[in-house]
Amino acid sequence: MNKAKIVMFIFAIAAILSMISIGYAIAAETILGIILGIIALCVVMMMGFKMKRKFREQGLL
């Protein structure tokens, strides 16, 4: 595995963990946790897509 795929794997794990945190916040009935989880998911996904575009332009993927 090259470094680009490892970085993308880390982004995927971060996205999964933020989705899990949303579910946990729903179970705990905390509105602030739900909102923070959704924001975290959006940030991780945006960063992941930007990084993927950068890796594609460099020919690493």
Protein backbone atom coordinates (compact mmCIF):
# COMPACT_ATOMS: atom_id res chain seq x y z
CA MET A 1 0.00 0.00 0.00
CA ASN A 2 1.28 3.40 -0.86
CA LYS A 3 1.04 6.41 1.43
CA ALA A 4 -1.94 7.91 -0.39
CA LYS A 5 -4.07 4.85 0.26
CA ILE A 6 -3.08 4.82 3.93
CA VAL A 7 -4.12 8.47 4.25
CA MET A 8 -7.46 7.73 2.56
CA PHE A 9 -7.95 4.77 4.92
CA ILE A 10 -7.45 7.08 7.91
CA PHE A 11 -10.05 9.49 6.50
CA ALA A 12 -12.47 6.59 6.06
CA ILE A 13 -11.96 5.47 9.68
CA ALA A 14 -12.49 9.06 10.87
CA ALA A 15 -15.75 9.27 8.89
CA ILE A 16 -16.96 5.97 10.34
CA LEU A 17 -16.15 7.13 13.87
CA SER A 18 -18.02 10.38 13.37
CA MET A 19 -21.06 8.41 12.12
CA ILE A 20 -20.84 6.22 15.20
CA SER A 21 -20.68 9.32 17.39
CA ILE A 22 -23.91 10.58 15.82
CA GLY A 23 -25.62 7.30 16.69
CA TYR A 24 -24.27 7.40 20.21
CA ALA A 25 -25.45 10.99 20.66
CA ILE A 26 -28.92 10.01 19.46
CA ALA A 27 -28.98 7.17 21.98
CA ALA A 28 -27.80 9.52 24.74
CA GLU A 29 -30.36 12.12 23.61
CA THR A 30 -27.90 14.99 23.42
CA ILE A 31 -28.73 17.54 20.76
CA LEU A 32 -25.31 19.19 21.01
CA GLY A 33 -23.60 15.83 20.43
CA ILE A 34 -25.72 15.16 17.37
CA ILE A 35 -24.91 18.55 15.88
CA LEU A 36 -21.19 18.21 16.62
CA GLY A 37 -21.16 14.72 15.12
CA ILE A 38 -22.79 15.96 11.92
CA ILE A 39 -20.34 18.85 11.68
CA ALA A 40 -17.41 16.49 12.28
CA LEU A 41 -18.69 14.15 9.56
CA CYS A 42 -19.03 17.01 7.07
CA VAL A 43 -15.53 18.29 7.83
CA VAL A 44 -13.93 14.85 7.54
CA MET A 45 -15.73 14.09 4.28
CA MET A 46 -14.80 17.45 2.74
CA MET A 47 -11.16 17.04 3.73
CA GLY A 48 -11.15 13.49 2.39
CA PHE A 49 -12.57 14.49 -0.99
CA LYS A 50 -10.12 17.39 -1.30
CA MET A 51 -7.22 15.10 -0.45
CA LYS A 52 -8.42 12.49 -2.94
CA ARG A 53 -8.57 15.11 -5.71
CA LYS A 54 -5.05 16.24 -4.82
CA PHE A 55 -3.74 12.66 -4.89
CA ARG A 56 -5.43 12.02 -8.26
CA GLU A 57 -3.86 15.15 -9.77
CA GLN A 58 -0.46 14.00 -8.54
CA GLY A 59 -1.06 10.50 -9.97
CA LEU A 60 -0.79 8.73 -6.62
CA LEU A 61 -4.17 6.97 -6.83
